[in-house]
């Protein structure tokens, strides 16, 4: 399986911004729809946003619409999530993967903490 490494998380005050990155170890990344997920303590993993291989179509869960932007740079095998106007309920470990979850190995994720 192709490895994924997420980074860019941290502690940010409400209303702040972060940009997460996810780097794939192989260029096969370029042909797959990719997604960002998050998992808050005691909750199931949640799909946050998706982007198709050509970056022409994106989708978001309602709770992040207008605040988060998913993008990708296929030349760098990298997926991004720009997060703004962060809220305490955005606190979670954020992961990337393709929605089928078959080709790519789940990474360790990156922690985002927004204190209340």
PDB file of N, CA and C in Angstrom:
ATOM      1  N   UNK A   1       0.819  -1.197   0.000  1.00  0.00           N
ATOM      2  CA  UNK A   1       0.000   0.000   0.000  1.00  0.00           C
ATOM      3  C   UNK A   1       0.861   1.258   0.000  1.00  0.00           C
ATOM      4  N   UNK A   2       0.280   2.307  -0.577  1.00  0.00           N
ATOM      5  CA  UNK A   2       0.970   3.587  -0.640  1.00  0.00           C
ATOM      6  C   UNK A   2       0.848   4.290   0.710  1.00  0.00           C
ATOM      7  N   UNK A   3       1.934   4.862   1.158  1.00  0.00           N
ATOM      8  CA  UNK A   3       1.931   5.529   2.464  1.00  0.00           C
ATOM      9  C   UNK A   3       1.493   6.986   2.343  1.00  0.00           C
ATOM     10  N   UNK A   4       0.834   7.454   3.391  1.00  0.00           N
ATOM     11  CA  UNK A   4       0.390   8.834   3.495  1.00  0.00           C
ATOM     12  C   UNK A   4       0.925   9.429   4.794  1.00  0.00           C
ATOM     13  N   UNK A   5       1.396  10.664   4.714  1.00  0.00           N
ATOM     14  CA  UNK A   5       1.912  11.348   5.900  1.00  0.00           C
ATOM     15  C   UNK A   5       1.241  12.709   6.013  1.00  0.00           C
ATOM     16  N   UNK A   6       0.482  12.862   7.098  1.00  0.00           N
ATOM     17  CA  UNK A   6      -0.211  14.128   7.344  1.00  0.00           C
ATOM     18  C   UNK A   6       0.618  15.035   8.246  1.00  0.00           C
ATOM     19  N   UNK A   7       0.463  16.336   8.060  1.00  0.00           N
ATOM     20  CA  UNK A   7       1.167  17.305   8.896  1.00  0.00           C
ATOM     21  C   UNK A   7       0.409  18.626   8.889  1.00  0.00           C
ATOM     22  N   UNK A   8       0.845  19.534   9.763  1.00  0.00           N
ATOM     23  CA  UNK A   8       0.277  20.875   9.763  1.00  0.00           C
ATOM     24  C   UNK A   8      -0.697  21.174  10.883  1.00  0.00           C
ATOM     25  N   UNK A   9      -1.017  20.175  11.685  1.00  0.00           N
ATOM     26  CA  UNK A   9      -1.928  20.406  12.787  1.00  0.00           C
ATOM     27  C   UNK A   9      -1.282  21.205  13.902  1.00  0.00           C
ATOM     28  N   UNK A  10      -2.091  21.536  14.903  1.00  0.00           N
ATOM     29  CA  UNK A  10      -1.573  22.271  16.040  1.00  0.00           C
ATOM     30  C   UNK A  10      -2.683  22.803  16.905  1.00  0.00           C
ATOM     31  N   UNK A  11      -2.287  23.646  17.849  1.00  0.00           N
ATOM     32  CA  UNK A  11      -3.231  24.312  18.742  1.00  0.00           C
ATOM     33  C   UNK A  11      -3.515  25.698  18.180  1.00  0.00           C
ATOM     34  N   UNK A  12      -4.779  26.001  17.966  1.00  0.00           N
ATOM     35  CA  UNK A  12      -5.156  27.286  17.392  1.00  0.00           C
ATOM     36  C   UNK A  12      -6.380  27.816  18.112  1.00  0.00           C
ATOM     37  N   UNK A  13      -6.427  29.104  18.330  1.00  0.00           N
ATOM     38  CA  UNK A  13      -7.555  29.719  19.018  1.00  0.00           C
ATOM     39  C   UNK A  13      -8.789  29.758  18.115  1.00  0.00           C
ATOM     40  N   UNK A  14      -9.971  29.772  18.693  1.00  0.00           N
ATOM     41  CA  UNK A  14     -11.192  29.883  17.886  1.00  0.00           C
ATOM     42  C   UNK A  14     -11.113  31.075  16.934  1.00  0.00           C
ATOM     43  N   UNK A  15     -11.543  30.830  15.725  1.00  0.00           N
ATOM     44  CA  UNK A  15     -11.460  31.855  14.696  1.00  0.00           C
ATOM     45  C   UNK A  15     -10.175  31.836  13.906  1.00  0.00           C
ATOM     46  N   UNK A  16      -9.218  31.040  14.335  1.00  0.00           N
ATOM     47  CA  UNK A  16      -7.931  30.964  13.665  1.00  0.00           C
ATOM     48  C   UNK A  16      -7.944  30.058  12.447  1.00  0.00           C
ATOM     49  N   UNK A  17      -6.775  29.912  11.840  1.00  0.00           N
ATOM     50  CA  UNK A  17      -6.638  29.135  10.598  1.00  0.00           C
ATOM     51  C   UNK A  17      -5.454  28.188  10.668  1.00  0.00           C
ATOM     52  N   UNK A  18      -5.551  27.118   9.904  1.00  0.00           N
ATOM     53  CA  UNK A  18      -4.460  26.167   9.732  1.00  0.00           C
ATOM     54  C   UNK A  18      -4.518  25.622   8.309  1.00  0.00           C
ATOM     55  N   UNK A  19      -3.378  25.160   7.819  1.00  0.00           N
ATOM     56  CA  UNK A  19      -3.361  24.426   6.564  1.00  0.00           C
ATOM     57  C   UNK A  19      -2.710  23.069   6.800  1.00  0.00           C
ATOM     58  N   UNK A  20      -3.477  22.034   6.548  1.00  0.00           N
ATOM     59  CA  UNK A  20      -2.976  20.674   6.677  1.00  0.00           C
ATOM     60  C   UNK A  20      -2.429  20.192   5.339  1.00  0.00           C
ATOM     61  N   UNK A  21      -1.427  19.323   5.410  1.00  0.00           N
ATOM     62  CA  UNK A  21      -0.861  18.714   4.215  1.00  0.00           C
ATOM     63  C   UNK A  21      -0.849  17.202   4.369  1.00  0.00           C
ATOM     64  N   UNK A  22      -0.924  16.523   3.248  1.00  0.00           N
ATOM     65  CA  UNK A  22      -0.861  15.067   3.220  1.00  0.00           C
ATOM     66  C   UNK A  22      -0.030  14.690   2.002  1.00  0.00           C
ATOM     67  N   UNK A  23       1.096  14.043   2.245  1.00  0.00           N
ATOM     68  CA  UNK A  23       1.995  13.661   1.163  1.00  0.00           C
ATOM     69  C   UNK A  23       1.928  12.161   0.945  1.00  0.00           C
ATOM     70  N   UNK A  24       1.718  11.769  -0.313  1.00  0.00           N
ATOM     71  CA  UNK A  24       1.699  10.354  -0.679  1.00  0.00           C
ATOM     72  C   UNK A  24       3.078   9.924  -1.160  1.00  0.00           C
ATOM     73  N   UNK A  25       3.412   8.678  -0.887  1.00  0.00           N
ATOM     74  CA  UNK A  25       4.756   8.190  -1.197  1.00  0.00           C
ATOM     75  C   UNK A  25       4.936   7.816  -2.662  1.00  0.00           C
ATOM     76  N   UNK A  26       3.836   7.718  -3.417  1.00  0.00           N
ATOM     77  CA  UNK A  26       3.922   7.335  -4.825  1.00  0.00           C
ATOM     78  C   UNK A  26       2.996   8.191  -5.678  1.00  0.00           C
ATOM     79  N   UNK A  27       3.358   8.330  -6.925  1.00  0.00           N
ATOM     80  CA  UNK A  27       2.618   9.212  -7.819  1.00  0.00           C
ATOM     81  C   UNK A  27       1.267   8.655  -8.244  1.00  0.00           C
ATOM     82  N   UNK A  28       0.972   7.410  -7.858  1.00  0.00           N
ATOM     83  CA  UNK A  28      -0.350   6.878  -8.151  1.00  0.00           C
ATOM     84  C   UNK A  28      -1.423   7.739  -7.498  1.00  0.00           C
ATOM     85  N   UNK A  29      -1.013   8.524  -6.500  1.00  0.00           N
ATOM     86  CA  UNK A  29      -1.886   9.497  -5.840  1.00  0.00           C
ATOM     87  C   UNK A  29      -2.684  10.301  -6.865  1.00  0.00           C
ATOM     88  N   UNK A  30      -2.045  10.611  -7.997  1.00  0.00           N
ATOM     89  CA  UNK A  30      -2.591  11.560  -8.958  1.00  0.00           C
ATOM     90  C   UNK A  30      -3.873  11.086  -9.616  1.00  0.00           C
ATOM     91  N   UNK A  31      -4.134   9.793  -9.626  1.00  0.00           N
ATOM     92  CA  UNK A  31      -5.303   9.300 -10.360  1.00  0.00           C
ATOM     93  C   UNK A  31      -6.495   9.021  -9.456  1.00  0.00           C
ATOM     94  N   UNK A  32      -6.325   9.275  -8.162  1.00  0.00           N
ATOM     95  CA  UNK A  32      -7.386   8.937  -7.215  1.00  0.00           C
ATOM     96  C   UNK A  32      -8.104  10.149  -6.654  1.00  0.00           C
ATOM     97  N   UNK A  33      -9.420  10.018  -6.499  1.00  0.00           N
ATOM     98  CA  UNK A  33     -10.142  10.936  -5.645  1.00  0.00           C
ATOM     99  C   UNK A  33      -9.600  10.776  -4.231  1.00  0.00           C
ATOM    100  N   UNK A  34      -9.381  11.898  -3.572  1.00  0.00           N
ATOM    101  CA  UNK A  34      -8.839  11.867  -2.220  1.00  0.00           C
ATOM    102  C   UNK A  34      -9.780  12.591  -1.267  1.00  0.00           C
ATOM    103  N   UNK A  35      -9.581  12.326   0.007  1.00  0.00           N
ATOM    104  CA  UNK A  35     -10.474  12.890   1.021  1.00  0.00           C
ATOM    105  C   UNK A  35      -9.724  13.202   2.305  1.00  0.00           C
ATOM    106  N   UNK A  36     -10.270  14.118   3.037  1.00  0.00           N
ATOM    107  CA  UNK A  36      -9.850  14.374   4.414  1.00  0.00           C
ATOM    108  C   UNK A  36     -10.928  13.832   5.346  1.00  0.00           C
ATOM    109  N   UNK A  37     -10.475  13.183   6.406  1.00  0.00           N
ATOM    110  CA  UNK A  37     -11.340  12.668   7.443  1.00  0.00           C
ATOM    111  C   UNK A  37     -10.887  13.258   8.786  1.00  0.00           C
ATOM    112  N   UNK A  38     -11.738  13.152   9.768  1.00  0.00           N
ATOM    113  CA  UNK A  38     -11.332  13.535  11.117  1.00  0.00           C
ATOM    114  C   UNK A  38     -12.015  12.622  12.128  1.00  0.00           C
ATOM    115  N   UNK A  39     -11.338  12.465  13.242  1.00  0.00           N
ATOM    116  CA  UNK A  39     -11.878  11.647  14.317  1.00  0.00           C
ATOM    117  C   UNK A  39     -11.668  12.357  15.637  1.00  0.00           C
ATOM    118  N   UNK A  40     -12.765  12.728  16.248  1.00  0.00           N
ATOM    119  CA  UNK A  40     -12.731  13.374  17.552  1.00  0.00           C
ATOM    120  C   UNK A  40     -12.741  12.303  18.641  1.00  0.00           C
ATOM    121  N   UNK A  41     -12.271  12.629  19.831  1.00  0.00           N
ATOM    122  CA  UNK A  41     -12.238  11.647  20.919  1.00  0.00           C
ATOM    123  C   UNK A  41     -13.624  11.050  21.174  1.00  0.00           C
ATOM    124  N   UNK A  42     -13.674   9.720  21.197  1.00  0.00           N
ATOM    125  CA  UNK A  42     -14.925   9.034  21.495  1.00  0.00           C
ATOM    126  C   UNK A  42     -15.927   9.000  20.361  1.00  0.00           C
ATOM    127  N   UNK A  43     -15.524   9.473  19.178  1.00  0.00           N
ATOM    128  CA  UNK A  43     -16.437   9.508  18.041  1.00  0.00           C
ATOM    129  C   UNK A  43     -15.873   8.708  16.879  1.00  0.00           C
ATOM    130  N   UNK A  44     -16.753   8.368  15.936  1.00  0.00           N
ATOM    131  CA  UNK A  44     -16.318   7.660  14.754  1.00  0.00           C
ATOM    132  C   UNK A  44     -15.627   8.610  13.780  1.00  0.00           C
ATOM    133  N   UNK A  45     -14.797   8.034  12.933  1.00  0.00           N
ATOM    134  CA  UNK A  45     -14.144   8.830  11.906  1.00  0.00           C
ATOM    135  C   UNK A  45     -15.191   9.415  10.969  1.00  0.00           C
ATOM    136  N   UNK A  46     -15.026  10.693  10.617  1.00  0.00           N
ATOM    137  CA  UNK A  46     -15.993  11.436   9.818  1.00  0.00           C
ATOM    138  C   UNK A  46     -15.334  11.927   8.540  1.00  0.00           C
ATOM    139  N   UNK A  47     -16.042  11.762   7.422  1.00  0.00           N
ATOM    140  CA  UNK A  47     -15.572  12.305   6.150  1.00  0.00           C
ATOM    141  C   UNK A  47     -15.809  13.801   6.142  1.00  0.00           C
ATOM    142  N   UNK A  48     -14.762  14.575   5.874  1.00  0.00           N
ATOM    143  CA  UNK A  48     -14.851  16.033   5.922  1.00  0.00           C
ATOM    144  C   UNK A  48     -14.969  16.643   4.535  1.00  0.00           C
ATOM    145  N   UNK A  49     -14.124  16.195   3.609  1.00  0.00           N
ATOM    146  CA  UNK A  49     -14.091  16.798   2.274  1.00  0.00           C
ATOM    147  C   UNK A  49     -13.478  15.825   1.282  1.00  0.00           C
ATOM    148  N   UNK A  50     -13.910  15.935   0.028  1.00  0.00           N
ATOM    149  CA  UNK A  50     -13.330  15.124  -1.041  1.00  0.00           C
ATOM    150  C   UNK A  50     -12.957  16.006  -2.221  1.00  0.00           C
ATOM    151  N   UNK A  51     -12.027  15.512  -3.023  1.00  0.00           N
ATOM    152  CA  UNK A  51     -11.617  16.211  -4.238  1.00  0.00           C
ATOM    153  C   UNK A  51     -11.289  15.152  -5.286  1.00  0.00           C
ATOM    154  N   UNK A  52     -11.751  15.357  -6.513  1.00  0.00           N
ATOM    155  CA  UNK A  52     -11.472  14.356  -7.540  1.00  0.00           C
ATOM    156  C   UNK A  52     -10.038  14.479  -8.040  1.00  0.00           C
ATOM    157  N   UNK A  53      -9.636  13.552  -8.884  1.00  0.00           N
ATOM    158  CA  UNK A  53      -8.225  13.476  -9.285  1.00  0.00           C
ATOM    159  C   UNK A  53      -7.752  14.731 -10.009  1.00  0.00           C
ATOM    160  N   UNK A  54      -8.633  15.343 -10.786  1.00  0.00           N
ATOM    161  CA  UNK A  54      -8.253  16.537 -11.525  1.00  0.00           C
ATOM    162  C   UNK A  54      -8.528  17.833 -10.798  1.00  0.00           C
ATOM    163  N   UNK A  55      -8.988  17.739  -9.577  1.00  0.00           N
ATOM    164  CA  UNK A  55      -9.269  18.911  -8.741  1.00  0.00           C
ATOM    165  C   UNK A  55     -10.382  19.780  -9.307  1.00  0.00           C
ATOM    166  N   UNK A  56     -11.244  19.187 -10.113  1.00  0.00           N
ATOM    167  CA  UNK A  56     -12.334  19.973 -10.697  1.00  0.00           C
ATOM    168  C   UNK A  56     -13.626  19.870  -9.902  1.00  0.00           C
ATOM    169  N   UNK A  57     -13.671  18.977  -8.934  1.00  0.00           N
ATOM    170  CA  UNK A  57     -14.885  18.795  -8.141  1.00  0.00           C
ATOM    171  C   UNK A  57     -14.524  18.558  -6.687  1.00  0.00           C
ATOM    172  N   UNK A  58     -15.195  19.267  -5.814  1.00  0.00           N
ATOM    173  CA  UNK A  58     -14.990  19.108  -4.381  1.00  0.00           C
ATOM    174  C   UNK A  58     -16.331  18.974  -3.673  1.00  0.00           C
ATOM    175  N   UNK A  59     -16.298  18.339  -2.518  1.00  0.00           N
ATOM    176  CA  UNK A  59     -17.482  18.214  -1.689  1.00  0.00           C
ATOM    177  C   UNK A  59     -17.089  18.349  -0.235  1.00  0.00           C
ATOM    178  N   UNK A  60     -18.020  18.865   0.566  1.00  0.00           N
ATOM    179  CA  UNK A  60     -17.737  19.104   1.977  1.00  0.00           C
ATOM    180  C   UNK A  60     -18.924  18.662   2.836  1.00  0.00           C
ATOM    181  N   UNK A  61     -18.609  18.228   4.027  1.00  0.00           N
ATOM    182  CA  UNK A  61     -19.667  18.004   5.009  1.00  0.00           C
ATOM    183  C   UNK A  61     -20.230  19.369   5.397  1.00  0.00           C
ATOM    184  N   UNK A  62     -21.515  19.413   5.700  1.00  0.00           N
ATOM    185  CA  UNK A  62     -22.175  20.701   5.934  1.00  0.00           C
ATOM    186  C   UNK A  62     -21.494  21.532   7.024  1.00  0.00           C
ATOM    187  N   UNK A  63     -20.965  20.882   8.023  1.00  0.00           N
ATOM    188  CA  UNK A  63     -20.413  21.606   9.171  1.00  0.00           C
ATOM    189  C   UNK A  63     -19.149  22.406   8.832  1.00  0.00           C
ATOM    190  N   UNK A  64     -18.519  22.134   7.696  1.00  0.00           N
ATOM    191  CA  UNK A  64     -17.295  22.863   7.344  1.00  0.00           C
ATOM    192  C   UNK A  64     -17.444  23.703   6.083  1.00  0.00           C
ATOM    193  N   UNK A  65     -18.586  23.624   5.443  1.00  0.00           N
ATOM    194  CA  UNK A  65     -18.787  24.401   4.209  1.00  0.00           C
ATOM    195  C   UNK A  65     -18.583  25.886   4.466  1.00  0.00           C
ATOM    196  N   UNK A  66     -17.828  26.508   3.570  1.00  0.00           N
ATOM    197  CA  UNK A  66     -17.542  27.931   3.711  1.00  0.00           C
ATOM    198  C   UNK A  66     -16.368  28.245   4.610  1.00  0.00           C
ATOM    199  N   UNK A  67     -15.860  27.243   5.320  1.00  0.00           N
ATOM    200  CA  UNK A  67     -14.728  27.460   6.222  1.00  0.00           C
ATOM    201  C   UNK A  67     -13.493  26.660   5.802  1.00  0.00           C
ATOM    202  N   UNK A  68     -13.699  25.489   5.233  1.00  0.00           N
ATOM    203  CA  UNK A  68     -12.587  24.620   4.826  1.00  0.00           C
ATOM    204  C   UNK A  68     -12.501  24.579   3.300  1.00  0.00           C
ATOM    205  N   UNK A  69     -11.276  24.445   2.796  1.00  0.00           N
ATOM    206  CA  UNK A  69     -11.047  24.299   1.358  1.00  0.00           C
ATOM    207  C   UNK A  69     -10.064  23.163   1.122  1.00  0.00           C
ATOM    208  N   UNK A  70     -10.490  22.181   0.355  1.00  0.00           N
ATOM    209  CA  UNK A  70      -9.613  21.074  -0.006  1.00  0.00           C
ATOM    210  C   UNK A  70      -8.987  21.376  -1.365  1.00  0.00           C
ATOM    211  N   UNK A  71      -7.715  21.024  -1.500  1.00  0.00           N
ATOM    212  CA  UNK A  71      -7.027  21.231  -2.767  1.00  0.00           C
ATOM    213  C   UNK A  71      -5.930  20.180  -2.887  1.00  0.00           C
ATOM    214  N   UNK A  72      -5.313  20.131  -4.055  1.00  0.00           N
ATOM    215  CA  UNK A  72      -4.249  19.158  -4.260  1.00  0.00           C
ATOM    216  C   UNK A  72      -3.248  19.685  -5.269  1.00  0.00           C
ATOM    217  N   UNK A  73      -2.011  19.188  -5.144  1.00  0.00           N
ATOM    218  CA  UNK A  73      -0.954  19.470  -6.105  1.00  0.00           C
ATOM    219  C   UNK A  73      -0.433  18.109  -6.562  1.00  0.00           C
ATOM    220  N   UNK A  74      -0.905  17.651  -7.693  1.00  0.00           N
ATOM    221  CA  UNK A  74      -0.529  16.315  -8.158  1.00  0.00           C
ATOM    222  C   UNK A  74       0.958  16.213  -8.508  1.00  0.00           C
ATOM    223  N   UNK A  75       1.566  17.319  -8.882  1.00  0.00           N
ATOM    224  CA  UNK A  75       3.002  17.291  -9.182  1.00  0.00           C
ATOM    225  C   UNK A  75       3.823  16.995  -7.927  1.00  0.00           C
ATOM    226  N   UNK A  76       3.243  17.304  -6.773  1.00  0.00           N
ATOM    227  CA  UNK A  76       3.933  17.076  -5.492  1.00  0.00           C
ATOM    228  C   UNK A  76       3.321  15.919  -4.699  1.00  0.00           C
ATOM    229  N   UNK A  77       2.365  15.228  -5.310  1.00  0.00           N
ATOM    230  CA  UNK A  77       1.687  14.122  -4.611  1.00  0.00           C
ATOM    231  C   UNK A  77       1.142  14.570  -3.254  1.00  0.00           C
ATOM    232  N   UNK A  78       0.578  15.768  -3.224  1.00  0.00           N
ATOM    233  CA  UNK A  78       0.189  16.367  -1.946  1.00  0.00           C
ATOM    234  C   UNK A  78      -1.255  16.835  -1.963  1.00  0.00           C
ATOM    235  N   UNK A  79      -1.933  16.553  -0.879  1.00  0.00           N
ATOM    236  CA  UNK A  79      -3.301  16.979  -0.635  1.00  0.00           C
ATOM    237  C   UNK A  79      -3.273  18.023   0.474  1.00  0.00           C
ATOM    238  N   UNK A  80      -4.134  19.024   0.365  1.00  0.00           N
ATOM    239  CA  UNK A  80      -4.177  20.094   1.365  1.00  0.00           C
ATOM    240  C   UNK A  80      -5.582  20.260   1.915  1.00  0.00           C
ATOM    241  N   UNK A  81      -5.639  20.821   3.125  1.00  0.00           N
ATOM    242  CA  UNK A  81      -6.914  21.255   3.683  1.00  0.00           C
ATOM    243  C   UNK A  81      -6.667  22.587   4.370  1.00  0.00           C
ATOM    244  N   UNK A  82      -7.209  23.624   3.781  1.00  0.00           N
ATOM    245  CA  UNK A  82      -7.129  24.943   4.377  1.00  0.00           C
ATOM    246  C   UNK A  82      -8.346  25.098   5.274  1.00  0.00           C
ATOM    247  N   UNK A  83      -8.109  25.388   6.546  1.00  0.00           N
ATOM    248  CA  UNK A  83      -9.186  25.508   7.527  1.00  0.00           C
ATOM    249  C   UNK A  83      -9.161  26.913   8.106  1.00  0.00           C
ATOM    250  N   UNK A  84     -10.294  27.581   8.071  1.00  0.00           N
ATOM    251  CA  UNK A  84     -10.384  28.917   8.630  1.00  0.00           C
ATOM    252  C   UNK A  84     -11.594  29.006   9.554  1.00  0.00           C
ATOM    253  N   UNK A  85     -11.644  30.097  10.336  1.00  0.00           N
ATOM    254  CA  UNK A  85     -12.720  30.281  11.306  1.00  0.00           C
ATOM    255  C   UNK A  85     -12.930  28.999  12.129  1.00  0.00           C
ATOM    256  N   UNK A  86     -11.847  28.474  12.646  1.00  0.00           N
ATOM    257  CA  UNK A  86     -11.905  27.210  13.368  1.00  0.00           C
ATOM    258  C   UNK A  86     -12.713  27.324  14.648  1.00  0.00           C
ATOM    259  N   UNK A  87     -13.403  26.244  14.965  1.00  0.00           N
ATOM    260  CA  UNK A  87     -14.271  26.183  16.130  1.00  0.00           C
ATOM    261  C   UNK A  87     -13.834  25.031  17.037  1.00  0.00           C
ATOM    262  N   UNK A  88     -14.210  25.085  18.308  1.00  0.00           N
ATOM    263  CA  UNK A  88     -13.838  23.981  19.208  1.00  0.00           C
ATOM    264  C   UNK A  88     -14.311  22.619  18.696  1.00  0.00           C
ATOM    265  N   UNK A  89     -15.427  22.576  18.012  1.00  0.00           N
ATOM    266  CA  UNK A  89     -15.933  21.301  17.504  1.00  0.00           C
ATOM    267  C   UNK A  89     -15.116  20.755  16.335  1.00  0.00           C
ATOM    268  N   UNK A  90     -14.162  21.520  15.848  1.00  0.00           N
ATOM    269  CA  UNK A  90     -13.245  21.026  14.816  1.00  0.00           C
ATOM    270  C   UNK A  90     -12.076  20.245  15.416  1.00  0.00           C
ATOM    271  N   UNK A  91     -11.981  20.240  16.724  1.00  0.00           N
ATOM    272  CA  UNK A  91     -10.906  19.508  17.383  1.00  0.00           C
ATOM    273  C   UNK A  91     -11.000  18.027  17.059  1.00  0.00           C
ATOM    274  N   UNK A  92      -9.921  17.476  16.527  1.00  0.00           N
ATOM    275  CA  UNK A  92      -9.902  16.082  16.100  1.00  0.00           C
ATOM    276  C   UNK A  92      -8.521  15.747  15.547  1.00  0.00           C
ATOM    277  N   UNK A  93      -8.314  14.462  15.313  1.00  0.00           N
ATOM    278  CA  UNK A  93      -7.157  14.030  14.519  1.00  0.00           C
ATOM    279  C   UNK A  93      -7.635  13.962  13.071  1.00  0.00           C
ATOM    280  N   UNK A  94      -6.879  14.585  12.186  1.00  0.00           N
ATOM    281  CA  UNK A  94      -7.242  14.664  10.780  1.00  0.00           C
ATOM    282  C   UNK A  94      -6.382  13.704   9.971  1.00  0.00           C
ATOM    283  N   UNK A  95      -7.051  12.964   9.084  1.00  0.00           N
ATOM    284  CA  UNK A  95      -6.403  11.975   8.244  1.00  0.00           C
ATOM    285  C   UNK A  95      -6.778  12.232   6.786  1.00  0.00           C
ATOM    286  N   UNK A  96      -5.929  11.735   5.893  1.00  0.00           N
ATOM    287  CA  UNK A  96      -6.280  11.733   4.476  1.00  0.00           C
ATOM    288  C   UNK A  96      -6.298  10.294   3.988  1.00  0.00           C
ATOM    289  N   UNK A  97      -7.062  10.066   2.929  1.00  0.00           N
ATOM    290  CA  UNK A  97      -7.092   8.762   2.279  1.00  0.00           C
ATOM    291  C   UNK A  97      -7.997   8.877   1.079  1.00  0.00           C
ATOM    292  N   UNK A  98      -8.018   7.835   0.248  1.00  0.00           N
ATOM    293  CA  UNK A  98      -9.016   7.799  -0.809  1.00  0.00           C
ATOM    294  C   UNK A  98     -10.275   7.180  -0.217  1.00  0.00           C
ATOM    295  N   UNK A  99     -11.438   7.583  -0.695  1.00  0.00           N
ATOM    296  CA  UNK A  99     -12.688   7.124  -0.076  1.00  0.00           C
ATOM    297  C   UNK A  99     -12.868   5.612  -0.059  1.00  0.00           C
ATOM    298  N   UNK A 100     -12.266   4.914  -0.986  1.00  0.00           N
ATOM    299  CA  UNK A 100     -12.393   3.459  -0.970  1.00  0.00           C
ATOM    300  C   UNK A 100     -11.518   2.831   0.110  1.00  0.00           C
ATOM    301  N   UNK A 101     -10.467   3.529   0.496  1.00  0.00           N
ATOM    302  CA  UNK A 101      -9.619   3.044   1.574  1.00  0.00           C
ATOM    303  C   UNK A 101      -8.895   1.749   1.274  1.00  0.00           C
ATOM    304  N   UNK A 102      -8.559   1.524   0.010  1.00  0.00           N
ATOM    305  CA  UNK A 102      -7.943   0.248  -0.373  1.00  0.00           C
ATOM    306  C   UNK A 102      -6.489   0.424  -0.806  1.00  0.00           C
ATOM    307  N   UNK A 103      -6.201   1.472  -1.574  1.00  0.00           N
ATOM    308  CA  UNK A 103      -4.873   1.652  -2.161  1.00  0.00           C
ATOM    309  C   UNK A 103      -3.875   2.232  -1.178  1.00  0.00           C
ATOM    310  N   UNK A 104      -4.353   3.147  -0.344  1.00  0.00           N
ATOM    311  CA  UNK A 104      -3.457   3.890   0.534  1.00  0.00           C
ATOM    312  C   UNK A 104      -3.538   3.377   1.970  1.00  0.00           C
ATOM    313  N   UNK A 105      -2.385   3.362   2.606  1.00  0.00           N
ATOM    314  CA  UNK A 105      -2.323   2.977   4.012  1.00  0.00           C
ATOM    315  C   UNK A 105      -2.658   4.185   4.874  1.00  0.00           C
ATOM    316  N   UNK A 106      -3.514   4.001   5.868  1.00  0.00           N
ATOM    317  CA  UNK A 106      -3.850   5.111   6.756  1.00  0.00           C
ATOM    318  C   UNK A 106      -2.591   5.613   7.455  1.00  0.00           C
ATOM    319  N   UNK A 107      -2.423   6.942   7.466  1.00  0.00           N
ATOM    320  CA  UNK A 107      -1.313   7.532   8.186  1.00  0.00           C
ATOM    321  C   UNK A 107      -1.635   7.706   9.669  1.00  0.00           C
ATOM    322  N   UNK A 108      -0.757   8.395  10.359  1.00  0.00           N
ATOM    323  CA  UNK A 108      -0.940   8.610  11.801  1.00  0.00           C
ATOM    324  C   UNK A 108      -1.840   9.804  12.078  1.00  0.00           C
ATOM    325  N   UNK A 109      -2.107  10.595  11.058  1.00  0.00           N
ATOM    326  CA  UNK A 109      -2.954  11.752  11.249  1.00  0.00           C
ATOM    327  C   UNK A 109      -2.209  12.920  11.852  1.00  0.00           C
ATOM    328  N   UNK A 110      -2.898  14.052  11.919  1.00  0.00           N
ATOM    329  CA  UNK A 110      -2.329  15.243  12.532  1.00  0.00           C
ATOM    330  C   UNK A 110      -3.395  15.862  13.438  1.00  0.00           C
ATOM    331  N   UNK A 111      -2.997  16.189  14.658  1.00  0.00           N
ATOM    332  CA  UNK A 111      -3.932  16.659  15.669  1.00  0.00           C
ATOM    333  C   UNK A 111      -4.221  18.145  15.491  1.00  0.00           C
ATOM    334  N   UNK A 112      -5.492  18.473  15.480  1.00  0.00           N
ATOM    335  CA  UNK A 112      -5.933  19.863  15.477  1.00  0.00           C
ATOM    336  C   UNK A 112      -6.721  20.090  16.765  1.00  0.00           C
ATOM    337  N   UNK A 113      -6.311  21.088  17.521  1.00  0.00           N
ATOM    338  CA  UNK A 113      -6.972  21.394  18.787  1.00  0.00           C
ATOM    339  C   UNK A 113      -7.398  22.850  18.806  1.00  0.00           C
ATOM    340  N   UNK A 114      -8.690  23.056  19.035  1.00  0.00           N
ATOM    341  CA  UNK A 114      -9.257  24.396  19.132  1.00  0.00           C
ATOM    342  C   UNK A 114      -9.922  24.490  20.499  1.00  0.00           C
ATOM    343  N   UNK A 115      -9.329  25.178  21.436  1.00  0.00           N
ATOM    344  CA  UNK A 115      -9.887  25.207  22.795  1.00  0.00           C
ATOM    345  C   UNK A 115     -11.171  26.018  22.863  1.00  0.00           C
ATOM    346  N   UNK A 116     -12.009  25.635  23.794  1.00  0.00           N
ATOM    347  CA  UNK A 116     -13.278  26.370  23.960  1.00  0.00           C
ATOM    348  C   UNK A 116     -13.130  27.505  24.955  1.00  0.00           C
TER     349      UNK A 116
END
